[in-house]
Amino acid sequence: MANRNIALVTGGSRGIGRSTVLGLADRGVDSIFTYRVARERADEVVVLAEHAAPERCRLQLDAGEVGRFEAFARTVRETLAALGTDRFDYLVNNAGPSSNVGLVDAKEQDVDAQYTVHFKGVLFLTQALLPLMRDGGRIVNVSSALARLASRNRVAYGPMKAAVESLTRYMALELSPRRITANTVTPGATATDFGGGIVRDNPEMNKLIVDNTALGRVGLPDDVGRVIAAVLSDDFGWVNGQRIEASGGVVL
């Protein structure tokens, strides 16, 4: 594994994160990925990715527990050492929950929960892991089309993803001396269990999305995971600080 590129993917046990890990495996990139509670799902991803060191590649992490990030970074350092290296190449900040509250009903704790994971979590986990990243590496922060589009009952979620897109540009600027690029991949509505599976399982929501998407269907996890894997490749080496929307053309 030490002779191959290594990615660290948060939330890699399901949905878009899972497809990212598998998409990277198809490109010959090994992943250390995190899961929060779904250990069984993480084990499935290990098998599907045919990972070289399955006992090492999945690590438990709650992306909202900022106080644990330094300890997590030490675990990553130990994991890399066991794999025969001291650096990883790519970071994908993907983990984080949805929120279904609107302006009138939003509570402070709703906003704080989104802020803690989607903004503080991305900022401080990246900060903690930067000493372990190889110069010339790449960062992808996963956003949402709801950073561009307003939708009902997303007042605590969409604006946080817009903040992540702004944060990404700052990362791209400040990490330029190390030649580390930072970009945002922005999924549209995707058929996963995210948000209670509303896109996948609710026929009315599914039809609404289809009717407003140029390519005439909702996204699938692999539609986005493959884009993330591509953006991490050398082919995108001159792309930096950019927002890349993978939505099939929603509300053009």
Protein backbone atom coordinates (compact mmCIF):
# COMPACT_ATOMS: atom_id res chain seq x y z
CA MET A 1 0.00 0.00 0.00
CA ALA A 2 2.88 2.39 0.71
CA ASN A 3 3.65 2.58 -3.02
CA ARG A 4 0.10 3.66 -3.88
CA ASN A 5 -1.65 6.95 -3.30
CA ILE A 6 -3.72 7.09 -0.13
CA ALA A 7 -6.91 9.04 0.48
CA LEU A 8 -8.63 9.83 3.75
CA VAL A 9 -12.42 9.95 3.29
CA THR A 10 -14.80 10.89 6.08
CA GLY A 11 -18.19 9.20 6.09
CA GLY A 12 -16.98 6.42 3.82
CA SER A 13 -19.28 3.66 4.99
CA ARG A 14 -22.38 4.67 3.01
CA GLY A 15 -23.82 6.86 0.28
CA ILE A 16 -21.53 9.23 -1.58
CA GLY A 17 -18.60 8.51 0.73
CA ARG A 18 -18.86 4.79 0.02
CA SER A 19 -18.97 5.41 -3.73
CA THR A 20 -15.95 7.69 -3.39
CA VAL A 21 -13.91 4.99 -1.65
CA LEU A 22 -14.88 2.44 -4.31
CA GLY A 23 -14.30 4.92 -7.15
CA LEU A 24 -10.83 5.63 -5.81
CA ALA A 25 -10.14 1.89 -5.50
CA ASP A 26 -11.00 1.52 -9.20
CA ARG A 27 -8.31 4.13 -9.90
CA GLY A 28 -5.72 2.32 -7.78
CA VAL A 29 -6.03 4.62 -4.76
CA ASP A 30 -6.35 3.11 -1.29
CA SER A 31 -8.48 4.82 1.34
CA ILE A 32 -8.47 5.22 5.05
CA PHE A 33 -12.11 6.05 5.68
CA THR A 34 -14.22 6.89 8.68
CA TYR A 35 -17.58 5.73 9.92
CA ARG A 36 -19.58 7.00 12.88
CA VAL A 37 -21.69 4.03 14.01
CA ALA A 38 -22.22 1.73 11.00
CA ARG A 39 -19.32 -0.69 11.55
CA GLU A 40 -21.02 -3.45 9.53
CA ARG A 41 -21.38 -1.15 6.53
CA ALA A 42 -17.76 -0.12 6.88
CA ASP A 43 -16.74 -3.77 6.80
CA GLU A 44 -18.72 -4.23 3.57
CA VAL A 45 -16.85 -1.35 1.94
CA VAL A 46 -13.53 -2.91 2.95
CA VAL A 47 -14.47 -6.12 1.18
CA LEU A 48 -15.76 -4.37 -1.95
CA ALA A 49 -12.66 -2.18 -2.20
CA GLU A 50 -10.42 -5.26 -1.85
CA HIS A 51 -8.40 -3.27 0.60
CA ALA A 52 -4.78 -4.21 1.16
CA ALA A 53 -5.01 -3.78 4.95
CA PRO A 54 -8.66 -4.21 6.00
CA GLU A 55 -7.92 -4.18 9.70
CA ARG A 56 -6.41 -0.72 9.34
CA CYS A 57 -8.42 1.20 6.79
CA ARG A 58 -11.68 2.02 8.62
CA LEU A 59 -11.57 4.31 11.63
CA GLN A 60 -14.41 5.44 13.88
CA LEU A 61 -14.99 9.20 13.99
CA ASP A 62 -17.82 11.56 14.79
CA ALA A 63 -17.11 14.52 12.51
CA GLY A 64 -18.80 16.84 14.99
CA GLU A 65 -16.57 15.99 17.96
CA VAL A 66 -13.92 18.60 17.28
CA GLY A 67 -12.17 17.91 20.58
CA ARG A 68 -11.28 14.43 19.36
CA PHE A 69 -9.55 15.51 16.17
CA GLU A 70 -6.04 15.68 17.57
CA ALA A 71 -6.37 12.16 18.94
CA PHE A 72 -7.81 11.04 15.62
CA ALA A 73 -4.83 12.56 13.80
CA ARG A 74 -2.53 10.52 16.04
CA THR A 75 -4.46 7.40 15.11
CA VAL A 76 -4.10 8.26 11.44
CA ARG A 77 -0.35 8.75 11.93
CA GLU A 78 -0.11 5.31 13.55
CA THR A 79 -2.18 3.80 10.77
CA LEU A 80 0.03 5.29 8.10
CA ALA A 81 3.14 4.04 9.89
CA ALA A 82 1.70 0.53 10.01
CA LEU A 83 1.12 0.80 6.26
CA GLY A 84 4.73 1.77 5.67
CA THR A 85 4.38 5.49 5.06
CA ASP A 86 4.06 8.76 6.96
CA ARG A 87 1.86 10.77 4.57
CA PHE A 88 -1.44 10.53 2.75
CA ASP A 89 -2.28 12.26 -0.53
CA TYR A 90 -5.96 13.16 -0.64
CA LEU A 91 -8.52 14.38 1.90
CA VAL A 92 -12.28 14.17 1.27
CA ASN A 93 -14.41 15.97 3.86
CA ASN A 94 -17.73 14.26 3.21
CA ALA A 95 -19.30 13.30 6.55
CA GLY A 96 -22.24 15.21 7.95
CA PRO A 97 -25.99 15.00 8.58
CA SER A 98 -28.90 16.73 6.90
CA SER A 99 -31.36 19.09 8.60
CA ASN A 100 -35.05 19.49 7.83
CA VAL A 101 -35.92 22.69 9.68
CA GLY A 102 -37.28 25.92 8.23
CA LEU A 103 -36.80 29.52 9.25
CA VAL A 104 -39.83 29.74 11.53
CA ASP A 105 -39.16 26.50 13.39
CA ALA A 106 -35.35 26.52 13.58
CA LYS A 107 -33.84 26.30 17.05
CA GLU A 108 -30.38 27.38 18.12
CA GLN A 109 -29.38 23.76 18.64
CA ASP A 110 -30.40 22.93 15.04
CA VAL A 111 -28.07 25.58 13.66
CA ASP A 112 -25.28 24.73 16.10
CA ALA A 113 -25.42 21.05 15.14
CA GLN A 114 -25.01 21.87 11.45
CA TYR A 115 -22.29 24.45 12.10
CA THR A 116 -20.32 22.06 14.28
CA VAL A 117 -20.11 19.33 11.65
CA HIS A 118 -20.27 21.10 8.32
CA PHE A 119 -18.09 24.12 9.04
CA LYS A 120 -16.09 23.68 12.25
CA GLY A 121 -15.65 20.00 11.56
CA VAL A 122 -14.27 20.55 8.07
CA LEU A 123 -12.00 23.40 9.15
CA PHE A 124 -10.52 21.80 12.24
CA LEU A 125 -10.25 18.24 10.94
CA THR A 126 -8.35 19.56 7.93
CA GLN A 127 -6.15 21.59 10.25
CA ALA A 128 -5.41 18.54 12.39
CA LEU A 129 -4.54 16.38 9.39
CA LEU A 130 -2.48 18.85 7.37
CA PRO A 131 0.83 17.79 8.97
CA LEU A 132 0.17 14.29 7.60
CA MET A 133 -0.70 15.40 4.07
CA ARG A 134 1.83 15.18 1.30
CA ASP A 135 2.84 18.42 -0.43
CA GLY A 136 1.10 18.52 -3.78
CA GLY A 137 -1.92 16.72 -2.37
CA ARG A 138 -5.58 17.47 -2.93
CA ILE A 139 -8.60 18.30 -0.79
CA VAL A 140 -12.25 17.91 -1.81
CA ASN A 141 -14.95 19.29 0.44
CA VAL A 142 -18.42 17.96 -0.31
CA SER A 143 -21.08 20.66 -0.50
CA SER A 144 -24.69 20.62 -1.75
CA ALA A 145 -26.68 22.20 -4.56
CA LEU A 146 -28.67 23.75 -1.70
CA ALA A 147 -25.78 26.17 -1.28
CA ARG A 148 -26.87 27.62 -4.64
CA LEU A 149 -30.62 26.91 -4.52
CA ALA A 150 -33.05 27.85 -1.77
CA SER A 151 -35.41 25.08 -0.69
CA ARG A 152 -37.98 24.87 2.06
CA ASN A 153 -36.88 23.44 5.40
CA ARG A 154 -33.16 23.65 4.69
CA VAL A 155 -32.35 26.92 6.44
CA ALA A 156 -29.80 25.31 8.80
CA TYR A 157 -28.20 23.12 6.13
CA GLY A 158 -27.90 25.00 2.83
CA PRO A 159 -26.19 28.10 4.27
CA MET A 160 -23.62 25.92 6.07
CA LYS A 161 -22.74 24.29 2.77
CA ALA A 162 -22.36 27.75 1.23
CA ALA A 163 -19.92 28.51 4.05
CA VAL A 164 -17.98 25.34 3.18
CA GLU A 165 -17.66 26.54 -0.40
CA SER A 166 -16.22 29.85 0.82
CA LEU A 167 -13.93 28.03 3.25
CA THR A 168 -12.63 25.92 0.38
CA ARG A 169 -11.42 28.99 -1.48
CA TYR A 170 -9.53 30.10 1.62
CA MET A 171 -7.96 26.66 1.89
CA ALA A 172 -6.87 26.84 -1.75
CA LEU A 173 -5.21 30.20 -1.14
CA GLU A 174 -3.50 29.41 2.15
CA LEU A 175 -2.26 25.96 1.13
CA SER A 176 -0.82 27.13 -2.17
CA PRO A 177 2.76 27.29 -0.80
CA ARG A 178 2.50 23.51 -0.32
CA ARG A 179 0.90 23.04 -3.75
CA ILE A 180 -2.16 21.47 -2.10
CA THR A 181 -5.31 22.17 -4.10
CA ALA A 182 -8.76 22.49 -2.55
CA ASN A 183 -12.03 22.22 -4.45
CA THR A 184 -15.68 21.67 -3.67
CA VAL A 185 -17.75 18.92 -5.27
CA THR A 186 -21.41 19.83 -5.00
CA PRO A 187 -23.97 17.02 -5.37
CA GLY A 188 -27.54 17.62 -6.35
CA ALA A 189 -30.34 15.48 -4.97
CA THR A 190 -28.93 11.97 -4.70
CA ALA A 191 -30.71 8.69 -3.98
CA THR A 192 -29.13 7.64 -0.69
CA ASP A 193 -30.36 7.26 2.89
CA PHE A 194 -29.25 10.86 3.56
CA GLY A 195 -32.00 12.94 5.14
CA GLY A 196 -34.00 9.84 5.93
CA GLY A 197 -33.84 8.65 2.32
CA ILE A 198 -36.30 11.30 1.12
CA VAL A 199 -34.86 11.53 -2.40
CA ARG A 200 -34.64 7.77 -2.80
CA ASP A 201 -37.89 6.73 -1.10
CA ASN A 202 -40.40 9.57 -1.53
CA PRO A 203 -42.08 9.33 -4.98
CA GLU A 204 -43.35 12.92 -4.90
CA MET A 205 -39.92 14.31 -4.05
CA ASN A 206 -38.31 12.07 -6.63
CA LYS A 207 -40.66 13.32 -9.36
CA LEU A 208 -40.12 16.95 -8.38
CA ILE A 209 -36.37 16.52 -8.77
CA VAL A 210 -36.68 14.65 -12.06
CA ASP A 211 -38.90 17.38 -13.47
CA ASN A 212 -36.35 20.04 -12.58
CA THR A 213 -33.18 18.24 -13.69
CA ALA A 214 -31.93 18.58 -17.25
CA LEU A 215 -30.82 14.95 -17.49
CA GLY A 216 -34.22 13.77 -16.25
CA ARG A 217 -33.39 11.66 -13.21
CA VAL A 218 -32.13 11.93 -9.66
CA GLY A 219 -28.46 11.38 -8.97
CA LEU A 220 -26.98 8.09 -7.83
CA PRO A 221 -24.09 7.83 -5.36
CA ASP A 222 -21.72 6.65 -8.09
CA ASP A 223 -22.54 9.74 -10.17
CA VAL A 224 -20.94 11.84 -7.45
CA GLY A 225 -18.31 9.44 -6.11
CA ARG A 226 -16.74 9.12 -9.54
CA VAL A 227 -16.58 12.90 -9.88
CA ILE A 228 -14.82 13.21 -6.52
CA ALA A 229 -12.33 10.52 -7.52
CA ALA A 230 -11.69 12.34 -10.81
CA VAL A 231 -11.16 15.71 -9.12
CA LEU A 232 -8.52 14.10 -6.91
CA SER A 233 -6.64 12.83 -9.96
CA ASP A 234 -3.73 14.48 -11.75
CA ASP A 235 -6.12 15.42 -14.56
CA PHE A 236 -7.51 18.13 -12.27
CA GLY A 237 -4.16 19.38 -11.03
CA TRP A 238 -4.69 22.89 -12.46
CA VAL A 239 -8.19 23.24 -10.95
CA ASN A 240 -8.08 25.00 -7.60
CA GLY A 241 -10.56 26.80 -5.37
CA GLN A 242 -13.47 25.83 -7.60
CA ARG A 243 -17.05 24.68 -7.09
CA ILE A 244 -17.84 21.65 -9.27
CA GLU A 245 -21.53 20.79 -9.25
CA ALA A 246 -22.48 17.16 -9.97
CA SER A 247 -26.25 17.45 -10.20
CA GLY A 248 -27.28 16.46 -13.72
CA GLY A 249 -28.22 20.09 -14.32
CA VAL A 250 -30.73 20.82 -11.60
CA VAL A 251 -32.68 24.09 -12.00
CA LEU A 252 -30.52 25.50 -14.77
